[in-house]
Amino acid sequence: MSHLMRKVEKYQLTESILAAFSEYYRAMFTSKCKEGCTDDGVKVVGITALILNLIISFIYTAKITINSETVYQLYEAADMLQIKYVKDYCVGFLKDTLEVGNWLIVRAFAQMYNIPELVTHCNNFFLDNLELVSNGLDFKELNPDETEA
């Protein structure tokens, strides 16, 4: 058993289950946990308790609740911990909830995290909704470099 620790919270988890879902933990546990480990367990830095709870719940139940308030932090945490399935669910959520009011933010996020399928989806959304998007305030504030695909 390993303990994941986040400031005050401490979670008792099975190493084999963590390693099965996360390349990050697989590498950590197969290298005898040299970095990020203490006698008390594995320290988790940069992930809020809410997001860590969602990820742990997913690892044990294969179910996850994603909403517009958690999707970006959840993707970032899953990217850091190398949990592909959570990343895939986040990308699916962003695709499903893409709209005129958020397409530019989603596209910037997809570019920052190098998610080509989501960038393409955003570009296609832009082309399919050119009139609506081009009337939006966000689009009008773009400089020419940002409008290139």
N, C-alpha and C. Protein backbone atom coordinates (compact mmCIF):
# COMPACT_ATOMS: atom_id res chain seq x y z
N MET A 1 0.83 -1.18 0.00
CA MET A 1 0.00 0.00 0.00
C MET A 1 0.88 1.24 0.00
N SER A 2 0.41 2.24 -0.72
CA SER A 2 1.07 3.53 -0.71
C SER A 2 0.10 4.57 -0.19
N HIS A 3 0.64 5.64 0.28
CA HIS A 3 -0.18 6.77 0.70
C HIS A 3 0.11 7.93 -0.24
N LEU A 4 -0.95 8.51 -0.81
CA LEU A 4 -0.80 9.76 -1.54
C LEU A 4 -1.11 10.85 -0.54
N MET A 5 -0.26 11.84 -0.48
CA MET A 5 -0.47 12.90 0.50
C MET A 5 -0.57 14.24 -0.21
N ARG A 6 -1.52 15.03 0.20
CA ARG A 6 -1.71 16.38 -0.29
C ARG A 6 -1.94 17.26 0.91
N LYS A 7 -0.92 18.02 1.27
CA LYS A 7 -0.97 18.87 2.48
C LYS A 7 -1.49 18.06 3.66
N VAL A 8 -2.76 18.22 4.01
CA VAL A 8 -3.28 17.54 5.18
C VAL A 8 -3.97 16.23 4.84
N GLU A 9 -4.45 16.08 3.63
CA GLU A 9 -5.17 14.87 3.26
C GLU A 9 -4.18 13.73 3.03
N LYS A 10 -4.61 12.53 3.41
CA LYS A 10 -3.79 11.35 3.18
C LYS A 10 -4.73 10.25 2.67
N TYR A 11 -4.34 9.64 1.55
CA TYR A 11 -5.17 8.61 0.92
C TYR A 11 -4.38 7.31 0.89
N GLN A 12 -5.00 6.22 1.30
CA GLN A 12 -4.34 4.92 1.25
C GLN A 12 -4.79 4.23 -0.03
N LEU A 13 -3.83 3.97 -0.93
CA LEU A 13 -4.15 3.40 -2.24
C LEU A 13 -3.23 2.23 -2.56
N THR A 14 -3.69 1.37 -3.41
CA THR A 14 -2.90 0.22 -3.82
C THR A 14 -1.98 0.61 -4.98
N GLU A 15 -0.68 0.35 -4.81
CA GLU A 15 0.31 0.73 -5.82
C GLU A 15 0.00 0.11 -7.18
N SER A 16 -0.40 -1.14 -7.21
CA SER A 16 -0.65 -1.81 -8.49
C SER A 16 -1.81 -1.17 -9.24
N ILE A 17 -2.81 -0.71 -8.52
CA ILE A 17 -3.95 -0.06 -9.17
C ILE A 17 -3.52 1.31 -9.70
N LEU A 18 -2.78 2.07 -8.90
CA LEU A 18 -2.27 3.36 -9.38
C LEU A 18 -1.40 3.16 -10.62
N ALA A 19 -0.52 2.20 -10.56
CA ALA A 19 0.40 1.95 -11.67
C ALA A 19 -0.35 1.49 -12.92
N ALA A 20 -1.45 0.79 -12.76
CA ALA A 20 -2.23 0.31 -13.91
C ALA A 20 -2.87 1.47 -14.68
N PHE A 21 -3.18 2.55 -13.99
CA PHE A 21 -3.85 3.68 -14.63
C PHE A 21 -2.91 4.82 -14.98
N SER A 22 -1.75 4.87 -14.36
CA SER A 22 -0.89 6.03 -14.49
C SER A 22 0.55 5.64 -14.83
N GLU A 23 1.01 6.09 -15.99
CA GLU A 23 2.41 5.88 -16.38
C GLU A 23 3.34 6.53 -15.35
N TYR A 24 2.93 7.67 -14.84
CA TYR A 24 3.71 8.41 -13.86
C TYR A 24 3.98 7.54 -12.63
N TYR A 25 2.92 6.95 -12.08
CA TYR A 25 3.08 6.11 -10.90
C TYR A 25 3.75 4.78 -11.23
N ARG A 26 3.50 4.25 -12.41
CA ARG A 26 4.18 3.01 -12.82
C ARG A 26 5.69 3.23 -12.81
N ALA A 27 6.13 4.34 -13.40
CA ALA A 27 7.57 4.65 -13.43
C ALA A 27 8.09 4.89 -12.01
N MET A 28 7.30 5.59 -11.21
CA MET A 28 7.72 5.88 -9.84
C MET A 28 7.90 4.60 -9.03
N PHE A 29 6.94 3.71 -9.11
CA PHE A 29 7.00 2.50 -8.29
C PHE A 29 8.01 1.49 -8.81
N THR A 30 8.26 1.47 -10.10
CA THR A 30 9.25 0.53 -10.63
C THR A 30 10.68 1.03 -10.46
N SER A 31 10.84 2.33 -10.18
CA SER A 31 12.18 2.86 -9.92
C SER A 31 12.43 3.00 -8.43
N LYS A 32 11.71 2.27 -7.63
CA LYS A 32 11.84 2.27 -6.17
C LYS A 32 11.51 3.63 -5.56
N CYS A 33 10.68 4.39 -6.26
CA CYS A 33 10.11 5.62 -5.69
C CYS A 33 11.18 6.58 -5.17
N LYS A 34 12.13 6.92 -6.01
CA LYS A 34 13.23 7.79 -5.58
C LYS A 34 12.84 9.26 -5.47
N GLU A 35 11.95 9.71 -6.33
CA GLU A 35 11.55 11.12 -6.29
C GLU A 35 10.11 11.25 -5.83
N GLY A 36 9.86 12.23 -4.98
CA GLY A 36 8.50 12.51 -4.52
C GLY A 36 8.02 11.61 -3.41
N CYS A 37 8.85 10.69 -2.96
CA CYS A 37 8.43 9.75 -1.92
C CYS A 37 9.09 10.09 -0.58
N THR A 38 8.36 9.80 0.46
CA THR A 38 8.89 9.91 1.81
C THR A 38 8.54 8.62 2.53
N ASP A 39 8.95 8.49 3.77
CA ASP A 39 8.58 7.31 4.55
C ASP A 39 7.07 7.23 4.75
N ASP A 40 6.41 8.38 4.69
CA ASP A 40 4.96 8.43 4.89
C ASP A 40 4.17 8.14 3.62
N GLY A 41 4.80 8.22 2.45
CA GLY A 41 4.09 7.97 1.20
C GLY A 41 4.57 8.87 0.09
N VAL A 42 3.71 9.09 -0.89
CA VAL A 42 4.02 9.88 -2.08
C VAL A 42 3.36 11.25 -1.95
N LYS A 43 4.16 12.30 -2.09
CA LYS A 43 3.60 13.65 -2.02
C LYS A 43 3.02 14.04 -3.37
N VAL A 44 1.85 14.63 -3.34
CA VAL A 44 1.20 15.12 -4.55
C VAL A 44 1.18 16.65 -4.45
N VAL A 45 1.82 17.29 -5.42
CA VAL A 45 1.93 18.75 -5.41
C VAL A 45 1.25 19.30 -6.66
N GLY A 46 0.54 20.41 -6.49
CA GLY A 46 -0.04 21.09 -7.64
C GLY A 46 -1.40 20.58 -8.08
N ILE A 47 -2.02 19.74 -7.27
CA ILE A 47 -3.35 19.22 -7.59
C ILE A 47 -4.25 19.49 -6.39
N THR A 48 -5.39 20.12 -6.64
CA THR A 48 -6.31 20.40 -5.54
C THR A 48 -6.95 19.12 -5.02
N ALA A 49 -7.47 19.19 -3.81
CA ALA A 49 -8.13 18.03 -3.21
C ALA A 49 -9.32 17.57 -4.07
N LEU A 50 -10.09 18.50 -4.60
CA LEU A 50 -11.24 18.15 -5.43
C LEU A 50 -10.79 17.34 -6.66
N ILE A 51 -9.78 17.83 -7.34
CA ILE A 51 -9.31 17.16 -8.56
C ILE A 51 -8.69 15.81 -8.22
N LEU A 52 -7.91 15.75 -7.15
CA LEU A 52 -7.30 14.47 -6.74
C LEU A 52 -8.39 13.46 -6.38
N ASN A 53 -9.43 13.91 -5.70
CA ASN A 53 -10.54 13.01 -5.37
C ASN A 53 -11.23 12.49 -6.61
N LEU A 54 -11.42 13.35 -7.62
CA LEU A 54 -12.04 12.91 -8.87
C LEU A 54 -11.17 11.84 -9.55
N ILE A 55 -9.87 12.06 -9.55
CA ILE A 55 -8.96 11.11 -10.20
C ILE A 55 -8.93 9.78 -9.44
N ILE A 56 -8.84 9.85 -8.12
CA ILE A 56 -8.82 8.62 -7.33
C ILE A 56 -10.13 7.85 -7.51
N SER A 57 -11.23 8.57 -7.51
CA SER A 57 -12.53 7.93 -7.75
C SER A 57 -12.55 7.24 -9.11
N PHE A 58 -12.02 7.92 -10.13
CA PHE A 58 -11.97 7.31 -11.46
C PHE A 58 -11.13 6.04 -11.46
N ILE A 59 -9.98 6.10 -10.80
CA ILE A 59 -9.08 4.94 -10.78
C ILE A 59 -9.78 3.72 -10.17
N TYR A 60 -10.62 3.94 -9.18
CA TYR A 60 -11.28 2.82 -8.50
C TYR A 60 -12.65 2.46 -9.07
N THR A 61 -13.29 3.39 -9.79
CA THR A 61 -14.65 3.10 -10.28
C THR A 61 -14.79 3.17 -11.80
N ALA A 62 -13.79 3.75 -12.48
CA ALA A 62 -13.83 3.98 -13.93
C ALA A 62 -14.96 4.95 -14.31
N LYS A 63 -15.38 5.76 -13.37
CA LYS A 63 -16.39 6.78 -13.62
C LYS A 63 -15.84 8.13 -13.17
N ILE A 64 -16.20 9.17 -13.92
CA ILE A 64 -15.71 10.50 -13.56
C ILE A 64 -16.77 11.54 -13.89
N THR A 65 -16.87 12.53 -13.04
CA THR A 65 -17.78 13.64 -13.28
C THR A 65 -16.95 14.84 -13.70
N ILE A 66 -17.24 15.33 -14.89
CA ILE A 66 -16.51 16.48 -15.43
C ILE A 66 -17.51 17.59 -15.67
N ASN A 67 -17.13 18.81 -15.31
CA ASN A 67 -17.96 19.96 -15.63
C ASN A 67 -17.06 21.10 -16.08
N SER A 68 -17.66 22.19 -16.48
CA SER A 68 -16.89 23.30 -17.03
C SER A 68 -15.97 23.94 -15.99
N GLU A 69 -16.23 23.72 -14.72
CA GLU A 69 -15.39 24.30 -13.68
C GLU A 69 -14.20 23.42 -13.32
N THR A 70 -14.25 22.13 -13.68
CA THR A 70 -13.16 21.22 -13.31
C THR A 70 -12.36 20.71 -14.51
N VAL A 71 -12.88 20.85 -15.71
CA VAL A 71 -12.29 20.18 -16.86
C VAL A 71 -10.83 20.57 -17.11
N TYR A 72 -10.50 21.84 -16.98
CA TYR A 72 -9.12 22.27 -17.28
C TYR A 72 -8.14 21.76 -16.22
N GLN A 73 -8.50 21.90 -14.95
CA GLN A 73 -7.62 21.40 -13.89
C GLN A 73 -7.52 19.89 -13.94
N LEU A 74 -8.61 19.24 -14.27
CA LEU A 74 -8.62 17.79 -14.36
C LEU A 74 -7.70 17.31 -15.49
N TYR A 75 -7.79 17.97 -16.64
CA TYR A 75 -6.91 17.61 -17.75
C TYR A 75 -5.44 17.83 -17.36
N GLU A 76 -5.15 18.98 -16.75
CA GLU A 76 -3.78 19.29 -16.35
C GLU A 76 -3.23 18.24 -15.39
N ALA A 77 -4.04 17.84 -14.41
CA ALA A 77 -3.62 16.82 -13.45
C ALA A 77 -3.42 15.47 -14.14
N ALA A 78 -4.35 15.11 -15.00
CA ALA A 78 -4.24 13.84 -15.72
C ALA A 78 -3.03 13.84 -16.65
N ASP A 79 -2.72 14.99 -17.20
CA ASP A 79 -1.54 15.11 -18.05
C ASP A 79 -0.28 14.92 -17.20
N MET A 80 -0.24 15.57 -16.06
CA MET A 80 0.91 15.46 -15.16
C MET A 80 1.09 14.02 -14.67
N LEU A 81 -0.02 13.37 -14.31
CA LEU A 81 0.03 12.00 -13.79
C LEU A 81 0.00 10.95 -14.89
N GLN A 82 -0.12 11.40 -16.12
CA GLN A 82 -0.13 10.53 -17.31
C GLN A 82 -1.25 9.48 -17.23
N ILE A 83 -2.47 10.00 -17.06
CA ILE A 83 -3.65 9.13 -17.02
C ILE A 83 -4.45 9.40 -18.30
N LYS A 84 -4.19 8.61 -19.31
CA LYS A 84 -4.74 8.82 -20.65
C LYS A 84 -6.26 8.84 -20.68
N TYR A 85 -6.90 7.92 -19.97
CA TYR A 85 -8.36 7.84 -20.02
C TYR A 85 -9.02 9.11 -19.53
N VAL A 86 -8.52 9.70 -18.47
CA VAL A 86 -9.09 10.94 -17.95
C VAL A 86 -8.87 12.06 -18.95
N LYS A 87 -7.68 12.11 -19.55
CA LYS A 87 -7.41 13.12 -20.58
C LYS A 87 -8.40 12.97 -21.73
N ASP A 88 -8.64 11.74 -22.16
CA ASP A 88 -9.58 11.49 -23.26
C ASP A 88 -10.99 11.95 -22.90
N TYR A 89 -11.43 11.67 -21.67
CA TYR A 89 -12.76 12.11 -21.25
C TYR A 89 -12.85 13.64 -21.22
N CYS A 90 -11.78 14.29 -20.78
CA CYS A 90 -11.77 15.76 -20.75
C CYS A 90 -11.86 16.33 -22.17
N VAL A 91 -11.11 15.76 -23.10
CA VAL A 91 -11.15 16.22 -24.49
C VAL A 91 -12.55 16.02 -25.05
N GLY A 92 -13.16 14.88 -24.77
CA GLY A 92 -14.54 14.63 -25.22
C GLY A 92 -15.51 15.64 -24.65
N PHE A 93 -15.34 15.96 -23.38
CA PHE A 93 -16.21 16.96 -22.75
C PHE A 93 -16.04 18.32 -23.42
N LEU A 94 -14.80 18.73 -23.67
CA LEU A 94 -14.54 20.02 -24.30
C LEU A 94 -15.13 20.07 -25.72
N LYS A 95 -15.05 18.97 -26.44
CA LYS A 95 -15.65 18.91 -27.77
C LYS A 95 -17.18 19.05 -27.69
N ASP A 96 -17.76 18.32 -26.75
CA ASP A 96 -19.22 18.31 -26.61
C ASP A 96 -19.78 19.64 -26.14
N THR A 97 -18.99 20.41 -25.43
CA THR A 97 -19.48 21.68 -24.87
C THR A 97 -18.95 22.90 -25.60
N LEU A 98 -18.33 22.68 -26.74
CA LEU A 98 -17.76 23.80 -27.51
C LEU A 98 -18.89 24.68 -28.03
N GLU A 99 -18.72 25.98 -27.85
CA GLU A 99 -19.72 26.94 -28.31
C GLU A 99 -19.03 28.26 -28.63
N VAL A 100 -19.79 29.17 -29.19
CA VAL A 100 -19.25 30.46 -29.61
C VAL A 100 -18.55 31.17 -28.45
N GLY A 101 -19.08 31.07 -27.27
CA GLY A 101 -18.52 31.78 -26.13
C GLY A 101 -17.24 31.19 -25.55
N ASN A 102 -16.90 29.94 -25.91
CA ASN A 102 -15.70 29.34 -25.30
C ASN A 102 -14.72 28.74 -26.31
N TRP A 103 -15.03 28.77 -27.60
CA TRP A 103 -14.19 28.07 -28.57
C TRP A 103 -12.76 28.58 -28.57
N LEU A 104 -12.57 29.86 -28.37
CA LEU A 104 -11.23 30.44 -28.41
C LEU A 104 -10.40 30.00 -27.20
N ILE A 105 -11.02 29.94 -26.04
CA ILE A 105 -10.33 29.46 -24.84
C ILE A 105 -9.97 27.99 -24.98
N VAL A 106 -10.92 27.21 -25.48
CA VAL A 106 -10.67 25.78 -25.67
C VAL A 106 -9.55 25.57 -26.69
N ARG A 107 -9.57 26.34 -27.77
CA ARG A 107 -8.52 26.21 -28.80
C ARG A 107 -7.15 26.57 -28.22
N ALA A 108 -7.08 27.64 -27.44
CA ALA A 108 -5.81 28.05 -26.82
C ALA A 108 -5.31 26.95 -25.87
N PHE A 109 -6.23 26.37 -25.11
CA PHE A 109 -5.88 25.29 -24.19
C PHE A 109 -5.35 24.09 -24.98
N ALA A 110 -6.04 23.75 -26.06
CA ALA A 110 -5.63 22.62 -26.90
C ALA A 110 -4.26 22.86 -27.52
N GLN A 111 -3.99 24.08 -27.91
CA GLN A 111 -2.67 24.40 -28.46
C GLN A 111 -1.60 24.32 -27.38
N MET A 112 -1.89 24.82 -26.19
CA MET A 112 -0.94 24.82 -25.10
C MET A 112 -0.56 23.39 -24.69
N TYR A 113 -1.54 22.48 -24.69
CA TYR A 113 -1.29 21.10 -24.29
C TYR A 113 -1.07 20.16 -25.48
N ASN A 114 -0.93 20.74 -26.65
CA ASN A 114 -0.65 19.95 -27.86
C ASN A 114 -1.67 18.81 -28.03
N ILE A 115 -2.93 19.21 -28.21
CA ILE A 115 -4.02 18.26 -28.42
C ILE A 115 -4.55 18.50 -29.84
N PRO A 116 -3.87 17.94 -30.85
CA PRO A 116 -4.22 18.25 -32.25
C PRO A 116 -5.68 17.99 -32.61
N GLU A 117 -6.25 16.91 -32.10
CA GLU A 117 -7.64 16.61 -32.46
C GLU A 117 -8.60 17.68 -31.95
N LEU A 118 -8.29 18.27 -30.79
CA LEU A 118 -9.14 19.32 -30.24
C LEU A 118 -8.91 20.64 -30.97
N VAL A 119 -7.68 20.92 -31.36
CA VAL A 119 -7.39 22.12 -32.17
C VAL A 119 -8.16 22.03 -33.47
N THR A 120 -8.11 20.88 -34.13
CA THR A 120 -8.84 20.67 -35.39
C THR A 120 -10.33 20.83 -35.18
N HIS A 121 -10.84 20.29 -34.10
CA HIS A 121 -12.27 20.41 -33.80
C HIS A 121 -12.66 21.89 -33.63
N CYS A 122 -11.82 22.63 -32.93
CA CYS A 122 -12.07 24.07 -32.73
C CYS A 122 -12.00 24.82 -34.06
N ASN A 123 -11.02 24.49 -34.88
CA ASN A 123 -10.90 25.14 -36.19
C ASN A 123 -12.12 24.85 -37.06
N ASN A 124 -12.58 23.61 -37.04
CA ASN A 124 -13.77 23.25 -37.81
C ASN A 124 -15.01 23.96 -37.26
N PHE A 125 -15.09 24.07 -35.95
CA PHE A 125 -16.19 24.80 -35.32
C PHE A 125 -16.19 26.25 -35.80
N PHE A 126 -15.01 26.84 -35.82
CA PHE A 126 -14.86 28.22 -36.28
C PHE A 126 -15.36 28.36 -37.72
N LEU A 127 -14.94 27.46 -38.59
CA LEU A 127 -15.34 27.54 -40.00
C LEU A 127 -16.85 27.31 -40.17
N ASP A 128 -17.39 26.38 -39.40
CA ASP A 128 -18.82 26.09 -39.48
C ASP A 128 -19.69 27.21 -38.91
N ASN A 129 -19.11 28.02 -38.04
CA ASN A 129 -19.86 29.09 -37.35
C ASN A 129 -19.21 30.44 -37.56
N LEU A 130 -18.62 30.63 -38.72
CA LEU A 130 -17.81 31.82 -39.00
C LEU A 130 -18.54 33.13 -38.69
N GLU A 131 -19.76 33.23 -39.12
CA GLU A 131 -20.49 34.49 -38.91
C GLU A 131 -20.70 34.78 -37.43
N LEU A 132 -21.17 33.77 -36.69
CA LEU A 132 -21.40 33.96 -35.25
C LEU A 132 -20.09 34.25 -34.50
N VAL A 133 -19.06 33.49 -34.84
CA VAL A 133 -17.78 33.64 -34.15
C VAL A 133 -17.15 34.99 -34.47
N SER A 134 -17.19 35.39 -35.72
CA SER A 134 -16.54 36.65 -36.12
C SER A 134 -17.23 37.88 -35.53
N ASN A 135 -18.47 37.72 -35.12
CA ASN A 135 -19.17 38.83 -34.47
C ASN A 135 -18.88 38.90 -32.97
N GLY A 136 -18.25 37.86 -32.45
CA GLY A 136 -17.95 37.81 -31.02
C GLY A 136 -16.82 38.75 -30.64
N LEU A 137 -16.90 39.27 -29.46
CA LEU A 137 -15.91 40.21 -28.95
C LEU A 137 -14.52 39.58 -28.90
N ASP A 138 -14.42 38.31 -28.47
CA ASP A 138 -13.12 37.64 -28.38
C ASP A 138 -12.41 37.61 -29.73
N PHE A 139 -13.15 37.31 -30.76
CA PHE A 139 -12.56 37.21 -32.09
C PHE A 139 -12.05 38.57 -32.57
N LYS A 140 -12.81 39.60 -32.30
CA LYS A 140 -12.44 40.94 -32.74
C LYS A 140 -11.16 41.44 -32.07
N GLU A 141 -10.85 40.91 -30.89
CA GLU A 141 -9.67 41.33 -30.16
C GLU A 141 -8.42 40.53 -30.52
N LEU A 142 -8.55 39.54 -31.38
CA LEU A 142 -7.39 38.74 -31.77
C LEU A 142 -6.45 39.51 -32.66
N ASN A 143 -5.16 39.23 -32.52
CA ASN A 143 -4.23 39.81 -33.50
C ASN A 143 -4.10 38.80 -34.63
N PRO A 144 -3.63 39.19 -35.80
CA PRO A 144 -3.61 38.31 -36.98
C PRO A 144 -2.88 36.98 -36.76
N ASP A 145 -1.84 36.96 -35.95
CA ASP A 145 -1.12 35.70 -35.69
C ASP A 145 -1.98 34.66 -34.99
N GLU A 146 -2.91 35.11 -34.15
CA GLU A 146 -3.75 34.20 -33.41
C GLU A 146 -4.87 33.61 -34.25
N THR A 147 -5.14 34.18 -35.40
CA THR A 147 -6.22 33.67 -36.24
C THR A 147 -5.75 32.58 -37.19
N GLU A 148 -4.44 32.34 -37.25
CA GLU A 148 -3.93 31.29 -38.13
C GLU A 148 -4.13 29.95 -37.47
N ALA A 149 -4.46 28.94 -38.29
CA ALA A 149 -4.72 27.59 -37.77
C ALA A 149 -3.45 26.87 -37.43
